[in-house]
Amino acid sequence: MSALLKIKNAGFDVALEAGNLVITPFSRLSEQQLKYLKEHKAEIIQELKMANNDYPVEIVVYNRMGDSFLVTAETPERAAFLLAANPKPTAAAIEALKKELENCHD
């Protein structure tokens, strides 16, 4: 489930105003939800911009170790390519890569 959908399903409205996230009703956000929003802010902004066809948009992409990077997509096609080519790896995939790398050093 996407970060944006997760917040909406929790009963919040999410909008983008002047590049800033606006969550309503803000007063109902728990500490855990605030933490989640801070951790996923770039992804949520990306989703909102893409839904509004507001390009260029910064896309969150990942390397094989799970590190995230922002890459600018000028078109919807480029955004779709970046998302498909650079998904967030699972914890299991990261662990497998770490073991593979350890074996290379032995």
C-alpha atoms as a PDB file:
ATOM      1  CA  MET A   1       0.000   0.000   0.000  1.00  0.00           C
ATOM      2  CA  SER A   2       1.321   3.430  -0.887  1.00  0.00           C
ATOM      3  CA  ALA A   3       2.219   5.940   1.802  1.00  0.00           C
ATOM      4  CA  LEU A   4      -0.441   8.348   0.550  1.00  0.00           C
ATOM      5  CA  LEU A   5      -3.152   5.684   0.552  1.00  0.00           C
ATOM      6  CA  LYS A   6      -2.177   4.586   4.041  1.00  0.00           C
ATOM      7  CA  ILE A   7      -2.720   8.097   5.435  1.00  0.00           C
ATOM      8  CA  LYS A   8      -5.969   8.573   3.484  1.00  0.00           C
ATOM      9  CA  ASN A   9      -7.267   5.211   4.711  1.00  0.00           C
ATOM     10  CA  ALA A  10      -6.589   6.380   8.272  1.00  0.00           C
ATOM     11  CA  GLY A  11      -9.188   9.132   7.700  1.00  0.00           C
ATOM     12  CA  PHE A  12      -7.037  12.107   6.736  1.00  0.00           C
ATOM     13  CA  ASP A  13      -7.228  14.440   3.759  1.00  0.00           C
ATOM     14  CA  VAL A  14      -3.863  15.100   2.163  1.00  0.00           C
ATOM     15  CA  ALA A  15      -3.090  17.992  -0.165  1.00  0.00           C
ATOM     16  CA  LEU A  16      -0.105  19.826  -1.552  1.00  0.00           C
ATOM     17  CA  GLU A  17      -0.031  23.622  -1.156  1.00  0.00           C
ATOM     18  CA  ALA A  18       2.987  25.592  -2.352  1.00  0.00           C
ATOM     19  CA  GLY A  19       5.079  22.422  -2.168  1.00  0.00           C
ATOM     20  CA  ASN A  20       4.083  21.650   1.423  1.00  0.00           C
ATOM     21  CA  LEU A  21       1.968  18.784   2.689  1.00  0.00           C
ATOM     22  CA  VAL A  22      -1.313  19.791   4.276  1.00  0.00           C
ATOM     23  CA  ILE A  23      -2.934  17.088   6.417  1.00  0.00           C
ATOM     24  CA  THR A  24      -6.424  17.553   7.841  1.00  0.00           C
ATOM     25  CA  PRO A  25      -7.492  17.172  10.525  1.00  0.00           C
ATOM     26  CA  PHE A  26      -3.911  17.687  11.716  1.00  0.00           C
ATOM     27  CA  SER A  27      -4.928  17.657  15.386  1.00  0.00           C
ATOM     28  CA  ARG A  28      -5.959  13.995  15.126  1.00  0.00           C
ATOM     29  CA  LEU A  29      -2.520  12.773  14.032  1.00  0.00           C
ATOM     30  CA  SER A  30      -0.852  10.516  16.573  1.00  0.00           C
ATOM     31  CA  GLU A  31       2.888  10.652  17.309  1.00  0.00           C
ATOM     32  CA  GLN A  32       3.309   7.440  15.302  1.00  0.00           C
ATOM     33  CA  GLN A  33       1.446   8.926  12.324  1.00  0.00           C
ATOM     34  CA  LEU A  34       3.532  12.110  12.493  1.00  0.00           C
ATOM     35  CA  LYS A  35       6.689  10.011  12.464  1.00  0.00           C
ATOM     36  CA  TYR A  36       5.382   8.016   9.485  1.00  0.00           C
ATOM     37  CA  LEU A  37       4.600  11.239   7.602  1.00  0.00           C
ATOM     38  CA  LYS A  38       8.103  12.605   8.218  1.00  0.00           C
ATOM     39  CA  GLU A  39       9.689   9.343   7.048  1.00  0.00           C
ATOM     40  CA  HIS A  40       7.539   9.154   3.893  1.00  0.00           C
ATOM     41  CA  LYS A  41       7.143  12.846   3.050  1.00  0.00           C
ATOM     42  CA  ALA A  42       9.034  12.679  -0.264  1.00  0.00           C
ATOM     43  CA  GLU A  43       7.008   9.652  -1.402  1.00  0.00           C
ATOM     44  CA  ILE A  44       3.696  11.308  -0.500  1.00  0.00           C
ATOM     45  CA  ILE A  45       4.613  14.526  -2.317  1.00  0.00           C
ATOM     46  CA  GLN A  46       5.681  12.438  -5.307  1.00  0.00           C
ATOM     47  CA  GLU A  47       2.342  10.610  -5.360  1.00  0.00           C
ATOM     48  CA  LEU A  48       0.333  13.833  -5.062  1.00  0.00           C
ATOM     49  CA  LYS A  49       2.276  15.543  -7.852  1.00  0.00           C
ATOM     50  CA  MET A  50       1.935  12.544 -10.131  1.00  0.00           C
ATOM     51  CA  ALA A  51      -1.800  12.302  -9.431  1.00  0.00           C
ATOM     52  CA  ASN A  52      -2.145  15.998 -10.385  1.00  0.00           C
ATOM     53  CA  ASN A  53       0.071  15.538 -13.458  1.00  0.00           C
ATOM     54  CA  ASP A  54       2.367  18.195 -11.957  1.00  0.00           C
ATOM     55  CA  TYR A  55       5.756  17.631 -13.645  1.00  0.00           C
ATOM     56  CA  PRO A  56       8.673  17.732 -13.132  1.00  0.00           C
ATOM     57  CA  VAL A  57       8.414  15.553 -10.046  1.00  0.00           C
ATOM     58  CA  GLU A  58      11.129  14.153  -7.797  1.00  0.00           C
ATOM     59  CA  ILE A  59      10.936  10.361  -7.720  1.00  0.00           C
ATOM     60  CA  VAL A  60      12.218   8.340  -4.779  1.00  0.00           C
ATOM     61  CA  VAL A  61      14.409   5.548  -6.150  1.00  0.00           C
ATOM     62  CA  TYR A  62      16.465   2.938  -4.317  1.00  0.00           C
ATOM     63  CA  ASN A  63      19.766   1.170  -4.771  1.00  0.00           C
ATOM     64  CA  ARG A  64      20.140  -2.542  -4.016  1.00  0.00           C
ATOM     65  CA  MET A  65      21.027  -1.845  -0.364  1.00  0.00           C
ATOM     66  CA  GLY A  66      17.808   0.107   0.175  1.00  0.00           C
ATOM     67  CA  ASP A  67      19.318   3.596   0.238  1.00  0.00           C
ATOM     68  CA  SER A  68      16.914   6.163  -1.219  1.00  0.00           C
ATOM     69  CA  PHE A  69      17.690   8.942  -3.682  1.00  0.00           C
ATOM     70  CA  LEU A  70      15.624  11.643  -5.361  1.00  0.00           C
ATOM     71  CA  VAL A  71      15.710  11.760  -9.153  1.00  0.00           C
ATOM     72  CA  THR A  72      13.797  14.328 -11.198  1.00  0.00           C
ATOM     73  CA  ALA A  73      11.363  13.002 -13.796  1.00  0.00           C
ATOM     74  CA  GLU A  74      10.278  15.490 -16.449  1.00  0.00           C
ATOM     75  CA  THR A  75       7.471  13.352 -17.876  1.00  0.00           C
ATOM     76  CA  PRO A  76       4.969  10.742 -16.691  1.00  0.00           C
ATOM     77  CA  GLU A  77       6.760   8.140 -18.812  1.00  0.00           C
ATOM     78  CA  ARG A  78      10.103   8.850 -17.150  1.00  0.00           C
ATOM     79  CA  ALA A  79       8.474   8.713 -13.713  1.00  0.00           C
ATOM     80  CA  ALA A  80       6.903   5.345 -14.519  1.00  0.00           C
ATOM     81  CA  PHE A  81      10.257   4.019 -15.740  1.00  0.00           C
ATOM     82  CA  LEU A  82      12.112   5.202 -12.625  1.00  0.00           C
ATOM     83  CA  LEU A  83       9.517   3.680 -10.299  1.00  0.00           C
ATOM     84  CA  ALA A  84       9.526   0.365 -12.139  1.00  0.00           C
ATOM     85  CA  ALA A  85      13.306   0.147 -12.473  1.00  0.00           C
ATOM     86  CA  ASN A  86      14.192   1.174  -8.918  1.00  0.00           C
ATOM     87  CA  PRO A  87      11.683  -0.233  -6.416  1.00  0.00           C
ATOM     88  CA  LYS A  88      12.380  -0.362  -2.715  1.00  0.00           C
ATOM     89  CA  PRO A  89      14.091  -3.709  -2.033  1.00  0.00           C
ATOM     90  CA  THR A  90      12.641  -6.010   0.581  1.00  0.00           C
ATOM     91  CA  ALA A  91      14.504  -6.663   3.829  1.00  0.00           C
ATOM     92  CA  ALA A  92      15.106 -10.228   2.632  1.00  0.00           C
ATOM     93  CA  ALA A  93      16.681  -8.983  -0.615  1.00  0.00           C
ATOM     94  CA  ILE A  94      18.985  -6.639   1.293  1.00  0.00           C
ATOM     95  CA  GLU A  95      20.067  -9.434   3.654  1.00  0.00           C
ATOM     96  CA  ALA A  96      20.726 -11.757   0.703  1.00  0.00           C
ATOM     97  CA  LEU A  97      22.868  -9.079  -0.954  1.00  0.00           C
ATOM     98  CA  LYS A  98      24.828  -8.529   2.275  1.00  0.00           C
ATOM     99  CA  LYS A  99      25.565 -12.278   2.490  1.00  0.00           C
ATOM    100  CA  GLU A 100      26.568 -12.310  -1.154  1.00  0.00           C
ATOM    101  CA  LEU A 101      28.955  -9.427  -0.559  1.00  0.00           C
ATOM    102  CA  GLU A 102      30.421 -11.101   2.546  1.00  0.00           C
ATOM    103  CA  ASN A 103      31.113 -14.235   0.502  1.00  0.00           C
ATOM    104  CA  CYS A 104      32.962 -12.161  -2.098  1.00  0.00           C
ATOM    105  CA  HIS A 105      35.399 -10.949   0.567  1.00  0.00           C
ATOM    106  CA  ASP A 106      36.185 -14.430   1.885  1.00  0.00           C
END
